Amino acid sequence: QEREGISCISAVRDGSTTGYIDSVKGRFA
């Protein structure tokens, strides 16, 4: 399979905003 991005956390100056792929939302942090 292709590599997929599952989560990220932005720089502190950008608010440490987090993001998740739908398949892991609510399970991964």
mmCIF file of all heavy atoms, coordinates in Angstrom:
data_MODEL
# 
_entry.id   MODEL 
# 
loop_
_atom_site.group_PDB 
_atom_site.id 
_atom_site.type_symbol 
_atom_site.label_atom_id 
_atom_site.label_alt_id 
_atom_site.label_comp_id 
_atom_site.label_asym_id 
_atom_site.label_entity_id 
_atom_site.label_seq_id 
_atom_site.pdbx_PDB_ins_code 
_atom_site.Cartn_x 
_atom_site.Cartn_y 
_atom_site.Cartn_z 
_atom_site.occupancy 
_atom_site.B_iso_or_equiv 
_atom_site.pdbx_formal_charge 
_atom_site.auth_seq_id 
_atom_site.auth_comp_id 
_atom_site.auth_asym_id 
_atom_site.auth_atom_id 
_atom_site.pdbx_PDB_model_num 
ATOM 1   N N   . GLN A 1 1  ? 0.827   -1.198 0.000  1.00 0.00 ? 1  GLN A N   1 
ATOM 2   C CA  . GLN A 1 1  ? 0.000   0.000  0.000  1.00 0.00 ? 1  GLN A CA  1 
ATOM 3   C C   . GLN A 1 1  ? 0.865   1.254  0.000  1.00 0.00 ? 1  GLN A C   1 
ATOM 4   O O   . GLN A 1 1  ? 2.040   1.216  0.356  1.00 0.00 ? 1  GLN A O   1 
ATOM 5   C CB  . GLN A 1 1  ? -0.929  0.002  1.219  1.00 0.00 ? 1  GLN A CB  1 
ATOM 6   C CG  . GLN A 1 1  ? -1.913  -1.145 1.245  1.00 0.00 ? 1  GLN A CG  1 
ATOM 7   C CD  . GLN A 1 1  ? -2.926  -1.021 2.365  1.00 0.00 ? 1  GLN A CD  1 
ATOM 8   O OE1 . GLN A 1 1  ? -3.147  0.065  2.912  1.00 0.00 ? 1  GLN A OE1 1 
ATOM 9   N NE2 . GLN A 1 1  ? -3.544  -2.139 2.711  1.00 0.00 ? 1  GLN A NE2 1 
ATOM 10  N N   . GLU A 1 2  ? 0.256   2.348  -0.389 1.00 0.00 ? 2  GLU A N   1 
ATOM 11  C CA  . GLU A 1 2  ? 0.963   3.623  -0.374 1.00 0.00 ? 2  GLU A CA  1 
ATOM 12  C C   . GLU A 1 2  ? 1.062   4.147  1.060  1.00 0.00 ? 2  GLU A C   1 
ATOM 13  O O   . GLU A 1 2  ? 0.236   3.839  1.909  1.00 0.00 ? 2  GLU A O   1 
ATOM 14  C CB  . GLU A 1 2  ? 0.233   4.647  -1.253 1.00 0.00 ? 2  GLU A CB  1 
ATOM 15  C CG  . GLU A 1 2  ? 0.261   4.301  -2.734 1.00 0.00 ? 2  GLU A CG  1 
ATOM 16  C CD  . GLU A 1 2  ? -0.331  5.411  -3.585 1.00 0.00 ? 2  GLU A CD  1 
ATOM 17  O OE1 . GLU A 1 2  ? -0.835  6.395  -3.019 1.00 0.00 ? 2  GLU A OE1 1 
ATOM 18  O OE2 . GLU A 1 2  ? -0.279  5.284  -4.816 1.00 0.00 ? 2  GLU A OE2 1 
ATOM 19  N N   . ARG A 1 3  ? 2.085   4.931  1.281  1.00 0.00 ? 3  ARG A N   1 
ATOM 20  C CA  . ARG A 1 3  ? 2.234   5.579  2.584  1.00 0.00 ? 3  ARG A CA  1 
ATOM 21  C C   . ARG A 1 3  ? 1.105   6.585  2.778  1.00 0.00 ? 3  ARG A C   1 
ATOM 22  O O   . ARG A 1 3  ? 0.742   7.305  1.843  1.00 0.00 ? 3  ARG A O   1 
ATOM 23  C CB  . ARG A 1 3  ? 3.581   6.275  2.649  1.00 0.00 ? 3  ARG A CB  1 
ATOM 24  C CG  . ARG A 1 3  ? 3.889   6.969  3.952  1.00 0.00 ? 3  ARG A CG  1 
ATOM 25  C CD  . ARG A 1 3  ? 5.330   7.448  3.953  1.00 0.00 ? 3  ARG A CD  1 
ATOM 26  N NE  . ARG A 1 3  ? 5.635   8.245  2.789  1.00 0.00 ? 3  ARG A NE  1 
ATOM 27  C CZ  . ARG A 1 3  ? 6.849   8.611  2.420  1.00 0.00 ? 3  ARG A CZ  1 
ATOM 28  N NH1 . ARG A 1 3  ? 7.898   8.205  3.124  1.00 0.00 ? 3  ARG A NH1 1 
ATOM 29  N NH2 . ARG A 1 3  ? 7.040   9.352  1.352  1.00 0.00 ? 3  ARG A NH2 1 
ATOM 30  N N   . GLU A 1 4  ? 0.558   6.628  3.961  1.00 0.00 ? 4  GLU A N   1 
ATOM 31  C CA  . GLU A 1 4  ? -0.521  7.574  4.247  1.00 0.00 ? 4  GLU A CA  1 
ATOM 32  C C   . GLU A 1 4  ? -0.192  8.375  5.499  1.00 0.00 ? 4  GLU A C   1 
ATOM 33  O O   . GLU A 1 4  ? 0.375   7.851  6.458  1.00 0.00 ? 4  GLU A O   1 
ATOM 34  C CB  . GLU A 1 4  ? -1.873  6.858  4.409  1.00 0.00 ? 4  GLU A CB  1 
ATOM 35  C CG  . GLU A 1 4  ? -1.957  5.865  5.545  1.00 0.00 ? 4  GLU A CG  1 
ATOM 36  C CD  . GLU A 1 4  ? -3.345  5.262  5.682  1.00 0.00 ? 4  GLU A CD  1 
ATOM 37  O OE1 . GLU A 1 4  ? -4.290  5.681  4.984  1.00 0.00 ? 4  GLU A OE1 1 
ATOM 38  O OE2 . GLU A 1 4  ? -3.492  4.342  6.513  1.00 0.00 ? 4  GLU A OE2 1 
ATOM 39  N N   . GLY A 1 5  ? -0.545  9.622  5.453  1.00 0.00 ? 5  GLY A N   1 
ATOM 40  C CA  . GLY A 1 5  ? -0.374  10.493 6.613  1.00 0.00 ? 5  GLY A CA  1 
ATOM 41  C C   . GLY A 1 5  ? -1.547  10.304 7.548  1.00 0.00 ? 5  GLY A C   1 
ATOM 42  O O   . GLY A 1 5  ? -2.694  10.479 7.156  1.00 0.00 ? 5  GLY A O   1 
ATOM 43  N N   . ILE A 1 6  ? -1.279  9.932  8.785  1.00 0.00 ? 6  ILE A N   1 
ATOM 44  C CA  . ILE A 1 6  ? -2.371  9.627  9.702  1.00 0.00 ? 6  ILE A CA  1 
ATOM 45  C C   . ILE A 1 6  ? -2.571  10.690 10.769 1.00 0.00 ? 6  ILE A C   1 
ATOM 46  O O   . ILE A 1 6  ? -3.685  10.836 11.287 1.00 0.00 ? 6  ILE A O   1 
ATOM 47  C CB  . ILE A 1 6  ? -2.188  8.250  10.353 1.00 0.00 ? 6  ILE A CB  1 
ATOM 48  C CG1 . ILE A 1 6  ? -0.855  8.183  11.116 1.00 0.00 ? 6  ILE A CG1 1 
ATOM 49  C CG2 . ILE A 1 6  ? -2.275  7.147  9.320  1.00 0.00 ? 6  ILE A CG2 1 
ATOM 50  C CD1 . ILE A 1 6  ? -0.724  6.920  11.954 1.00 0.00 ? 6  ILE A CD1 1 
ATOM 51  N N   . SER A 1 7  ? -1.539  11.440 11.076 1.00 0.00 ? 7  SER A N   1 
ATOM 52  C CA  . SER A 1 7  ? -1.702  12.452 12.113 1.00 0.00 ? 7  SER A CA  1 
ATOM 53  C C   . SER A 1 7  ? -0.588  13.478 11.998 1.00 0.00 ? 7  SER A C   1 
ATOM 54  O O   . SER A 1 7  ? 0.477   13.193 11.443 1.00 0.00 ? 7  SER A O   1 
ATOM 55  C CB  . SER A 1 7  ? -1.671  11.812 13.505 1.00 0.00 ? 7  SER A CB  1 
ATOM 56  O OG  . SER A 1 7  ? -1.907  12.777 14.511 1.00 0.00 ? 7  SER A OG  1 
ATOM 57  N N   . CYS A 1 8  ? -0.844  14.669 12.526 1.00 0.00 ? 8  CYS A N   1 
ATOM 58  C CA  . CYS A 1 8  ? 0.180   15.705 12.548 1.00 0.00 ? 8  CYS A CA  1 
ATOM 59  C C   . CYS A 1 8  ? -0.119  16.662 13.696 1.00 0.00 ? 8  CYS A C   1 
ATOM 60  O O   . CYS A 1 8  ? -1.253  16.749 14.173 1.00 0.00 ? 8  CYS A O   1 
ATOM 61  C CB  . CYS A 1 8  ? 0.239   16.468 11.233 1.00 0.00 ? 8  CYS A CB  1 
ATOM 62  S SG  . CYS A 1 8  ? -1.276  17.326 10.806 1.00 0.00 ? 8  CYS A SG  1 
ATOM 63  N N   . ILE A 1 9  ? 0.936   17.357 14.099 1.00 0.00 ? 9  ILE A N   1 
ATOM 64  C CA  . ILE A 1 9  ? 0.786   18.408 15.098 1.00 0.00 ? 9  ILE A CA  1 
ATOM 65  C C   . ILE A 1 9  ? 1.596   19.598 14.623 1.00 0.00 ? 9  ILE A C   1 
ATOM 66  O O   . ILE A 1 9  ? 2.779   19.469 14.296 1.00 0.00 ? 9  ILE A O   1 
ATOM 67  C CB  . ILE A 1 9  ? 1.208   17.928 16.507 1.00 0.00 ? 9  ILE A CB  1 
ATOM 68  C CG1 . ILE A 1 9  ? 0.956   19.016 17.557 1.00 0.00 ? 9  ILE A CG1 1 
ATOM 69  C CG2 . ILE A 1 9  ? 2.653   17.448 16.541 1.00 0.00 ? 9  ILE A CG2 1 
ATOM 70  C CD1 . ILE A 1 9  ? 1.050   18.509 18.996 1.00 0.00 ? 9  ILE A CD1 1 
ATOM 71  N N   . SER A 1 10 ? 0.979   20.745 14.544 1.00 0.00 ? 10 SER A N   1 
ATOM 72  C CA  . SER A 1 10 ? 1.643   21.926 13.993 1.00 0.00 ? 10 SER A CA  1 
ATOM 73  C C   . SER A 1 10 ? 2.634   22.499 14.997 1.00 0.00 ? 10 SER A C   1 
ATOM 74  O O   . SER A 1 10 ? 2.652   22.131 16.174 1.00 0.00 ? 10 SER A O   1 
ATOM 75  C CB  . SER A 1 10 ? 0.619   22.970 13.596 1.00 0.00 ? 10 SER A CB  1 
ATOM 76  O OG  . SER A 1 10 ? 0.017   23.551 14.751 1.00 0.00 ? 10 SER A OG  1 
ATOM 77  N N   . ALA A 1 11 ? 3.440   23.418 14.532 1.00 0.00 ? 11 ALA A N   1 
ATOM 78  C CA  . ALA A 1 11 ? 4.367   24.121 15.402 1.00 0.00 ? 11 ALA A CA  1 
ATOM 79  C C   . ALA A 1 11 ? 3.605   24.863 16.504 1.00 0.00 ? 11 ALA A C   1 
ATOM 80  O O   . ALA A 1 11 ? 2.424   25.205 16.335 1.00 0.00 ? 11 ALA A O   1 
ATOM 81  C CB  . ALA A 1 11 ? 5.199   25.103 14.596 1.00 0.00 ? 11 ALA A CB  1 
ATOM 82  N N   . VAL A 1 12 ? 4.278   25.096 17.598 1.00 0.00 ? 12 VAL A N   1 
ATOM 83  C CA  . VAL A 1 12 ? 3.632   25.790 18.714 1.00 0.00 ? 12 VAL A CA  1 
ATOM 84  C C   . VAL A 1 12 ? 3.122   27.154 18.267 1.00 0.00 ? 12 VAL A C   1 
ATOM 85  O O   . VAL A 1 12 ? 2.021   27.572 18.633 1.00 0.00 ? 12 VAL A O   1 
ATOM 86  C CB  . VAL A 1 12 ? 4.607   25.917 19.897 1.00 0.00 ? 12 VAL A CB  1 
ATOM 87  C CG1 . VAL A 1 12 ? 4.038   26.843 20.971 1.00 0.00 ? 12 VAL A CG1 1 
ATOM 88  C CG2 . VAL A 1 12 ? 4.904   24.546 20.478 1.00 0.00 ? 12 VAL A CG2 1 
ATOM 89  N N   . ARG A 1 13 ? 3.899   27.846 17.425 1.00 0.00 ? 13 ARG A N   1 
ATOM 90  C CA  . ARG A 1 13 ? 3.485   29.181 16.972 1.00 0.00 ? 13 ARG A CA  1 
ATOM 91  C C   . ARG A 1 13 ? 2.224   29.140 16.128 1.00 0.00 ? 13 ARG A C   1 
ATOM 92  O O   . ARG A 1 13 ? 1.537   30.150 15.956 1.00 0.00 ? 13 ARG A O   1 
ATOM 93  C CB  . ARG A 1 13 ? 4.608   29.841 16.171 1.00 0.00 ? 13 ARG A CB  1 
ATOM 94  C CG  . ARG A 1 13 ? 4.913   29.174 14.848 1.00 0.00 ? 13 ARG A CG  1 
ATOM 95  C CD  . ARG A 1 13 ? 5.989   29.909 14.064 1.00 0.00 ? 13 ARG A CD  1 
ATOM 96  N NE  . ARG A 1 13 ? 6.225   29.288 12.762 1.00 0.00 ? 13 ARG A NE  1 
ATOM 97  C CZ  . ARG A 1 13 ? 7.067   28.288 12.564 1.00 0.00 ? 13 ARG A CZ  1 
ATOM 98  N NH1 . ARG A 1 13 ? 7.752   27.797 13.582 1.00 0.00 ? 13 ARG A NH1 1 
ATOM 99  N NH2 . ARG A 1 13 ? 7.231   27.790 11.360 1.00 0.00 ? 13 ARG A NH2 1 
ATOM 100 N N   . ASP A 1 14 ? 1.917   27.953 15.595 1.00 0.00 ? 14 ASP A N   1 
ATOM 101 C CA  . ASP A 1 14 ? 0.694   27.761 14.820 1.00 0.00 ? 14 ASP A CA  1 
ATOM 102 C C   . ASP A 1 14 ? -0.377  27.080 15.645 1.00 0.00 ? 14 ASP A C   1 
ATOM 103 O O   . ASP A 1 14 ? -1.339  26.521 15.085 1.00 0.00 ? 14 ASP A O   1 
ATOM 104 C CB  . ASP A 1 14 ? 1.002   26.947 13.563 1.00 0.00 ? 14 ASP A CB  1 
ATOM 105 C CG  . ASP A 1 14 ? 1.870   27.712 12.579 1.00 0.00 ? 14 ASP A CG  1 
ATOM 106 O OD1 . ASP A 1 14 ? 1.403   28.729 12.036 1.00 0.00 ? 14 ASP A OD1 1 
ATOM 107 O OD2 . ASP A 1 14 ? 3.034   27.313 12.388 1.00 0.00 ? 14 ASP A OD2 1 
ATOM 108 N N   . GLY A 1 15 ? -0.196  27.091 16.951 1.00 0.00 ? 15 GLY A N   1 
ATOM 109 C CA  . GLY A 1 15 ? -1.239  26.629 17.844 1.00 0.00 ? 15 GLY A CA  1 
ATOM 110 C C   . GLY A 1 15 ? -1.209  25.175 18.228 1.00 0.00 ? 15 GLY A C   1 
ATOM 111 O O   . GLY A 1 15 ? -2.132  24.680 18.869 1.00 0.00 ? 15 GLY A O   1 
ATOM 112 N N   . SER A 1 16 ? -0.139  24.460 17.819 1.00 0.00 ? 16 SER A N   1 
ATOM 113 C CA  . SER A 1 16 ? -0.077  23.015 18.083 1.00 0.00 ? 16 SER A CA  1 
ATOM 114 C C   . SER A 1 16 ? -1.359  22.326 17.629 1.00 0.00 ? 16 SER A C   1 
ATOM 115 O O   . SER A 1 16 ? -1.900  21.447 18.311 1.00 0.00 ? 16 SER A O   1 
ATOM 116 C CB  . SER A 1 16 ? 0.190   22.735 19.563 1.00 0.00 ? 16 SER A CB  1 
ATOM 117 O OG  . SER A 1 16 ? 1.499   23.141 19.925 1.00 0.00 ? 16 SER A OG  1 
ATOM 118 N N   . THR A 1 17 ? -1.840  22.757 16.500 1.00 0.00 ? 17 THR A N   1 
ATOM 119 C CA  . THR A 1 17 ? -3.061  22.187 15.940 1.00 0.00 ? 17 THR A CA  1 
ATOM 120 C C   . THR A 1 17 ? -2.807  20.757 15.499 1.00 0.00 ? 17 THR A C   1 
ATOM 121 O O   . THR A 1 17 ? -1.773  20.461 14.897 1.00 0.00 ? 17 THR A O   1 
ATOM 122 C CB  . THR A 1 17 ? -3.524  23.023 14.747 1.00 0.00 ? 17 THR A CB  1 
ATOM 123 O OG1 . THR A 1 17 ? -3.706  24.376 15.162 1.00 0.00 ? 17 THR A OG1 1 
ATOM 124 C CG2 . THR A 1 17 ? -4.830  22.485 14.184 1.00 0.00 ? 17 THR A CG2 1 
ATOM 125 N N   . THR A 1 18 ? -3.756  19.892 15.797 1.00 0.00 ? 18 THR A N   1 
ATOM 126 C CA  . THR A 1 18 ? -3.604  18.488 15.436 1.00 0.00 ? 18 THR A CA  1 
ATOM 127 C C   . THR A 1 18 ? -4.555  18.126 14.296 1.00 0.00 ? 18 THR A C   1 
ATOM 128 O O   . THR A 1 18 ? -5.591  18.766 14.095 1.00 0.00 ? 18 THR A O   1 
ATOM 129 C CB  . THR A 1 18 ? -3.869  17.571 16.637 1.00 0.00 ? 18 THR A CB  1 
ATOM 130 O OG1 . THR A 1 18 ? -5.204  17.795 17.116 1.00 0.00 ? 18 THR A OG1 1 
ATOM 131 C CG2 . THR A 1 18 ? -2.876  17.846 17.757 1.00 0.00 ? 18 THR A CG2 1 
ATOM 132 N N   . GLY A 1 19 ? -4.183  17.089 13.578 1.00 0.00 ? 19 GLY A N   1 
ATOM 133 C CA  . GLY A 1 19 ? -5.019  16.596 12.506 1.00 0.00 ? 19 GLY A CA  1 
ATOM 134 C C   . GLY A 1 19 ? -4.914  15.087 12.415 1.00 0.00 ? 19 GLY A C   1 
ATOM 135 O O   . GLY A 1 19 ? -3.873  14.512 12.768 1.00 0.00 ? 19 GLY A O   1 
ATOM 136 N N   . TYR A 1 20 ? -5.997  14.458 11.959 1.00 0.00 ? 20 TYR A N   1 
ATOM 137 C CA  . TYR A 1 20 ? -6.042  12.996 11.881 1.00 0.00 ? 20 TYR A CA  1 
ATOM 138 C C   . TYR A 1 20 ? -6.767  12.550 10.623 1.00 0.00 ? 20 TYR A C   1 
ATOM 139 O O   . TYR A 1 20 ? -7.714  13.200 10.170 1.00 0.00 ? 20 TYR A O   1 
ATOM 140 C CB  . TYR A 1 20 ? -6.789  12.414 13.091 1.00 0.00 ? 20 TYR A CB  1 
ATOM 141 C CG  . TYR A 1 20 ? -6.177  12.765 14.416 1.00 0.00 ? 20 TYR A CG  1 
ATOM 142 C CD1 . TYR A 1 20 ? -6.601  13.890 15.118 1.00 0.00 ? 20 TYR A CD1 1 
ATOM 143 C CD2 . TYR A 1 20 ? -5.170  11.982 14.970 1.00 0.00 ? 20 TYR A CD2 1 
ATOM 144 C CE1 . TYR A 1 20 ? -6.031  14.228 16.329 1.00 0.00 ? 20 TYR A CE1 1 
ATOM 145 C CE2 . TYR A 1 20 ? -4.591  12.312 16.182 1.00 0.00 ? 20 TYR A CE2 1 
ATOM 146 C CZ  . TYR A 1 20 ? -5.028  13.439 16.856 1.00 0.00 ? 20 TYR A CZ  1 
ATOM 147 O OH  . TYR A 1 20 ? -4.455  13.770 18.051 1.00 0.00 ? 20 TYR A OH  1 
ATOM 148 N N   . ILE A 1 21 ? -6.319  11.433 10.114 1.00 0.00 ? 21 ILE A N   1 
ATOM 149 C CA  . ILE A 1 21 ? -7.065  10.807 9.039  1.00 0.00 ? 21 ILE A CA  1 
ATOM 150 C C   . ILE A 1 21 ? -8.325  10.203 9.652  1.00 0.00 ? 21 ILE A C   1 
ATOM 151 O O   . ILE A 1 21 ? -8.343  9.820  10.839 1.00 0.00 ? 21 ILE A O   1 
ATOM 152 C CB  . ILE A 1 21 ? -6.176  9.733  8.357  1.00 0.00 ? 21 ILE A CB  1 
ATOM 153 C CG1 . ILE A 1 21 ? -6.760  9.294  7.029  1.00 0.00 ? 21 ILE A CG1 1 
ATOM 154 C CG2 . ILE A 1 21 ? -5.954  8.543  9.274  1.00 0.00 ? 21 ILE A CG2 1 
ATOM 155 C CD1 . ILE A 1 21 ? -5.806  8.392  6.225  1.00 0.00 ? 21 ILE A CD1 1 
ATOM 156 N N   . ASP A 1 22 ? -9.401  10.107 8.861  1.00 0.00 ? 22 ASP A N   1 
ATOM 157 C CA  . ASP A 1 22 ? -10.684 9.673  9.407  1.00 0.00 ? 22 ASP A CA  1 
ATOM 158 C C   . ASP A 1 22 ? -10.599 8.312  10.084 1.00 0.00 ? 22 ASP A C   1 
ATOM 159 O O   . ASP A 1 22 ? -11.266 8.070  11.102 1.00 0.00 ? 22 ASP A O   1 
ATOM 160 C CB  . ASP A 1 22 ? -11.746 9.641  8.310  1.00 0.00 ? 22 ASP A CB  1 
ATOM 161 C CG  . ASP A 1 22 ? -12.223 11.029 7.920  1.00 0.00 ? 22 ASP A CG  1 
ATOM 162 O OD1 . ASP A 1 22 ? -11.916 11.999 8.654  1.00 0.00 ? 22 ASP A OD1 1 
ATOM 163 O OD2 . ASP A 1 22 ? -12.891 11.151 6.878  1.00 0.00 ? 22 ASP A OD2 1 
ATOM 164 N N   . SER A 1 23 ? -9.805  7.427  9.530  1.00 0.00 ? 23 SER A N   1 
ATOM 165 C CA  . SER A 1 23 ? -9.784  6.047  10.034 1.00 0.00 ? 23 SER A CA  1 
ATOM 166 C C   . SER A 1 23 ? -9.199  5.918  11.441 1.00 0.00 ? 23 SER A C   1 
ATOM 167 O O   . SER A 1 23 ? -9.372  4.883  12.082 1.00 0.00 ? 23 SER A O   1 
ATOM 168 C CB  . SER A 1 23 ? -9.005  5.147  9.074  1.00 0.00 ? 23 SER A CB  1 
ATOM 169 O OG  . SER A 1 23 ? -7.686  5.601  8.932  1.00 0.00 ? 23 SER A OG  1 
ATOM 170 N N   . VAL A 1 24 ? -8.535  6.954  11.950 1.00 0.00 ? 24 VAL A N   1 
ATOM 171 C CA  . VAL A 1 24 ? -7.952  6.867  13.291 1.00 0.00 ? 24 VAL A CA  1 
ATOM 172 C C   . VAL A 1 24 ? -8.551  7.887  14.260 1.00 0.00 ? 24 VAL A C   1 
ATOM 173 O O   . VAL A 1 24 ? -8.209  7.887  15.441 1.00 0.00 ? 24 VAL A O   1 
ATOM 174 C CB  . VAL A 1 24 ? -6.415  7.020  13.263 1.00 0.00 ? 24 VAL A CB  1 
ATOM 175 C CG1 . VAL A 1 24 ? -5.789  6.051  12.268 1.00 0.00 ? 24 VAL A CG1 1 
ATOM 176 C CG2 . VAL A 1 24 ? -5.988  8.443  12.975 1.00 0.00 ? 24 VAL A CG2 1 
ATOM 177 N N   . LYS A 1 25 ? -9.435  8.735  13.767 1.00 0.00 ? 25 LYS A N   1 
ATOM 178 C CA  . LYS A 1 25 ? -10.056 9.732  14.643 1.00 0.00 ? 25 LYS A CA  1 
ATOM 179 C C   . LYS A 1 25 ? -10.786 9.057  15.794 1.00 0.00 ? 25 LYS A C   1 
ATOM 180 O O   . LYS A 1 25 ? -11.517 8.088  15.613 1.00 0.00 ? 25 LYS A O   1 
ATOM 181 C CB  . LYS A 1 25 ? -11.030 10.600 13.856 1.00 0.00 ? 25 LYS A CB  1 
ATOM 182 C CG  . LYS A 1 25 ? -10.364 11.659 13.007 1.00 0.00 ? 25 LYS A CG  1 
ATOM 183 C CD  . LYS A 1 25 ? -11.400 12.501 12.266 1.00 0.00 ? 25 LYS A CD  1 
ATOM 184 C CE  . LYS A 1 25 ? -10.730 13.561 11.408 1.00 0.00 ? 25 LYS A CE  1 
ATOM 185 N NZ  . LYS A 1 25 ? -11.708 14.347 10.616 1.00 0.00 ? 25 LYS A NZ  1 
ATOM 186 N N   . GLY A 1 26 ? -10.565 9.588  16.985 1.00 0.00 ? 26 GLY A N   1 
ATOM 187 C CA  . GLY A 1 26 ? -11.192 9.034  18.175 1.00 0.00 ? 26 GLY A CA  1 
ATOM 188 C C   . GLY A 1 26 ? -10.429 7.868  18.774 1.00 0.00 ? 26 GLY A C   1 
ATOM 189 O O   . GLY A 1 26 ? -10.734 7.439  19.886 1.00 0.00 ? 26 GLY A O   1 
ATOM 190 N N   . ARG A 1 27 ? -9.433  7.355  18.064 1.00 0.00 ? 27 ARG A N   1 
ATOM 191 C CA  . ARG A 1 27 ? -8.633  6.228  18.581 1.00 0.00 ? 27 ARG A CA  1 
ATOM 192 C C   . ARG A 1 27 ? -7.189  6.627  18.826 1.00 0.00 ? 27 ARG A C   1 
ATOM 193 O O   . ARG A 1 27 ? -6.563  6.126  19.746 1.00 0.00 ? 27 ARG A O   1 
ATOM 194 C CB  . ARG A 1 27 ? -8.667  5.057  17.596 1.00 0.00 ? 27 ARG A CB  1 
ATOM 195 C CG  . ARG A 1 27 ? -10.045 4.512  17.330 1.00 0.00 ? 27 ARG A CG  1 
ATOM 196 C CD  . ARG A 1 27 ? -9.997  3.214  16.541 1.00 0.00 ? 27 ARG A CD  1 
ATOM 197 N NE  . ARG A 1 27 ? -9.395  3.382  15.216 1.00 0.00 ? 27 ARG A NE  1 
ATOM 198 C CZ  . ARG A 1 27 ? -8.328  2.711  14.776 1.00 0.00 ? 27 ARG A CZ  1 
ATOM 199 N NH1 . ARG A 1 27 ? -7.718  1.828  15.542 1.00 0.00 ? 27 ARG A NH1 1 
ATOM 200 N NH2 . ARG A 1 27 ? -7.857  2.929  13.539 1.00 0.00 ? 27 ARG A NH2 1 
ATOM 201 N N   . PHE A 1 28 ? -6.654  7.494  17.983 1.00 0.00 ? 28 PHE A N   1 
ATOM 202 C CA  . PHE A 1 28 ? -5.252  7.901  18.081 1.00 0.00 ? 28 PHE A CA  1 
ATOM 203 C C   . PHE A 1 28 ? -5.183  9.345  18.585 1.00 0.00 ? 28 PHE A C   1 
ATOM 204 O O   . PHE A 1 28 ? -6.066  10.158 18.302 1.00 0.00 ? 28 PHE A O   1 
ATOM 205 C CB  . PHE A 1 28 ? -4.568  7.835  16.714 1.00 0.00 ? 28 PHE A CB  1 
ATOM 206 C CG  . PHE A 1 28 ? -4.334  6.447  16.175 1.00 0.00 ? 28 PHE A CG  1 
ATOM 207 C CD1 . PHE A 1 28 ? -4.917  5.329  16.746 1.00 0.00 ? 28 PHE A CD1 1 
ATOM 208 C CD2 . PHE A 1 28 ? -3.525  6.265  15.066 1.00 0.00 ? 28 PHE A CD2 1 
ATOM 209 C CE1 . PHE A 1 28 ? -4.702  4.062  16.245 1.00 0.00 ? 28 PHE A CE1 1 
ATOM 210 C CE2 . PHE A 1 28 ? -3.296  5.007  14.547 1.00 0.00 ? 28 PHE A CE2 1 
ATOM 211 C CZ  . PHE A 1 28 ? -3.893  3.908  15.135 1.00 0.00 ? 28 PHE A CZ  1 
ATOM 212 N N   . ALA A 1 29 ? -4.107  9.652  19.284 1.00 0.00 ? 29 ALA A N   1 
ATOM 213 C CA  . ALA A 1 29 ? -3.894  11.014 19.770 1.00 0.00 ? 29 ALA A CA  1 
ATOM 214 C C   . ALA A 1 29 ? -2.419  11.357 19.668 1.00 0.00 ? 29 ALA A C   1 
ATOM 215 O O   . ALA A 1 29 ? -1.570  10.602 20.160 1.00 0.00 ? 29 ALA A O   1 
ATOM 216 C CB  . ALA A 1 29 ? -4.372  11.160 21.208 1.00 0.00 ? 29 ALA A CB  1 
# 
